Protein backbone atom coordinates (compact mmCIF):
# COMPACT_ATOMS: atom_id res chain seq x y z
CA MET A 1 46.75 17.39 -136.58
CA ARG A 2 43.04 17.13 -135.82
CA PRO A 3 41.09 19.30 -133.36
CA GLY A 4 41.23 16.53 -130.60
CA ASP A 5 44.97 17.15 -130.58
CA ILE A 6 44.84 20.52 -129.44
CA ASP A 7 45.02 19.98 -125.73
CA ALA A 8 48.17 17.91 -126.21
CA VAL A 9 49.61 20.63 -128.48
CA VAL A 10 49.07 23.21 -125.93
CA GLU A 11 50.76 21.10 -123.23
CA ILE A 12 53.81 20.54 -125.29
CA ALA A 13 54.02 24.11 -126.40
CA ARG A 14 53.83 25.00 -122.59
CA LEU A 15 56.61 22.75 -121.71
CA SER A 16 58.80 23.81 -124.75
CA PHE A 17 58.08 27.38 -124.57
CA PRO A 18 57.24 28.39 -121.01
CA ASP A 19 58.01 32.02 -121.46
CA HIS A 20 55.97 32.27 -124.79
CA PHE A 21 52.48 31.05 -124.03
CA GLU A 22 49.73 30.42 -126.74
CA ALA A 23 46.36 29.40 -126.05
CA GLY A 24 44.45 26.63 -127.85
CA ALA A 25 42.67 29.12 -129.81
CA CYS A 26 45.76 30.06 -131.65
CA PHE A 27 46.49 26.58 -132.56
CA GLU A 28 42.91 25.79 -133.54
CA ASN A 29 43.09 28.88 -135.70
CA ARG A 30 46.14 27.84 -137.58
CA LEU A 31 44.59 24.27 -138.13
CA ALA A 32 41.55 25.78 -139.44
CA LEU A 33 43.40 28.13 -141.82
CA TYR A 34 46.07 25.70 -143.08
CA PRO A 35 45.65 22.11 -142.08
CA ARG A 36 48.06 20.88 -144.66
CA GLY A 37 50.81 22.67 -142.57
CA CYS A 38 49.68 21.27 -139.11
CA PHE A 39 51.40 18.03 -137.88
CA VAL A 40 51.24 15.89 -134.77
CA LEU A 41 54.10 13.76 -133.96
CA ALA A 42 52.80 10.53 -132.52
CA ASP A 43 53.33 6.73 -132.75
CA GLY A 44 50.17 5.53 -133.99
CA ASP A 45 47.19 6.04 -131.57
CA ALA A 46 49.58 7.03 -128.92
CA PRO A 47 49.29 10.49 -127.34
CA ALA A 48 51.17 13.59 -129.17
CA GLN A 49 55.11 13.48 -128.56
CA GLY A 50 55.52 16.86 -130.53
CA TYR A 51 53.97 18.93 -133.26
CA LEU A 52 54.80 21.11 -136.24
CA ILE A 53 52.70 24.17 -137.47
CA ALA A 54 53.58 26.03 -140.80
CA TYR A 55 51.60 28.18 -143.10
CA PRO A 56 51.90 30.59 -146.03
CA TRP A 57 52.95 34.00 -144.81
CA ARG A 58 54.69 37.41 -145.97
CA ALA A 59 58.33 37.48 -145.96
CA ASP A 60 58.43 40.90 -143.85
CA GLY A 61 57.47 39.58 -140.52
CA ALA A 62 55.42 36.96 -138.29
CA PRO A 63 51.96 37.30 -136.70
CA PRO A 64 52.22 38.32 -133.21
CA LEU A 65 52.42 35.75 -130.50
CA ASN A 66 49.16 34.24 -129.32
CA THR A 67 46.87 35.88 -131.76
CA VAL A 68 44.01 34.51 -133.94
CA ILE A 69 44.55 35.69 -137.48
CA GLU A 70 41.79 36.54 -139.77
CA GLY A 71 43.17 34.80 -142.98
CA LEU A 72 46.34 33.91 -144.94
CA PRO A 73 47.83 36.56 -147.20
CA THR A 74 46.69 36.35 -150.83
CA ASP A 75 50.31 36.97 -151.85
CA PRO A 76 52.41 34.79 -149.43
CA ALA A 77 56.37 34.77 -150.19
CA VAL A 78 57.48 32.09 -147.51
CA LEU A 79 56.10 29.18 -145.63
CA TYR A 80 56.35 30.41 -142.18
CA LEU A 81 57.48 27.90 -139.54
CA HIS A 82 55.23 28.75 -136.52
CA ASP A 83 56.43 26.23 -134.15
CA LEU A 84 58.21 22.92 -134.00
CA ALA A 85 58.21 21.19 -130.53
CA LEU A 86 58.70 17.93 -128.97
CA HIS A 87 57.77 16.77 -125.40
CA PRO A 88 60.94 16.93 -123.39
CA GLU A 89 60.96 13.17 -122.91
CA THR A 90 61.29 12.53 -126.61
CA ARG A 91 63.77 14.95 -127.60
CA GLY A 92 66.85 13.69 -129.23
CA GLY A 93 65.27 10.60 -130.84
CA GLY A 94 65.28 11.72 -134.35
CA LEU A 95 61.38 12.01 -134.37
CA THR A 96 61.32 15.37 -136.33
CA HIS A 97 63.34 14.11 -139.42
CA ALA A 98 60.27 12.71 -141.48
CA VAL A 99 58.14 15.95 -140.59
CA VAL A 100 60.75 18.43 -141.55
CA GLU A 101 61.28 16.48 -144.86
CA ARG A 102 57.47 16.76 -145.57
CA LEU A 103 57.54 20.51 -144.58
CA ALA A 104 60.36 20.98 -147.23
CA GLU A 105 58.29 19.10 -149.76
CA LEU A 106 55.31 21.39 -148.85
CA ALA A 107 57.28 24.40 -149.30
């Protein structure tokens, strides 16, 4: 994921989680804090078809929805999967398989 992908990520999130809005600032924050855990699912230079965001966190809870966090914990216990979302038109095509494997390797 790159900063230029944020608008597409916000749109995919809006379509995927209509009752759980998160602003671009939230996604920008996670990308800045842990870029290794931020992925865009796209075919070459095509627009994003999905995204995955994960980062080290505590085992006792998740950050509140749609918030900017100051930093990652110094003693993380888990790799927290913040979101995995696909554009509705691309669901069911196996697009997430490779990124989930990469996340498992990262964990």
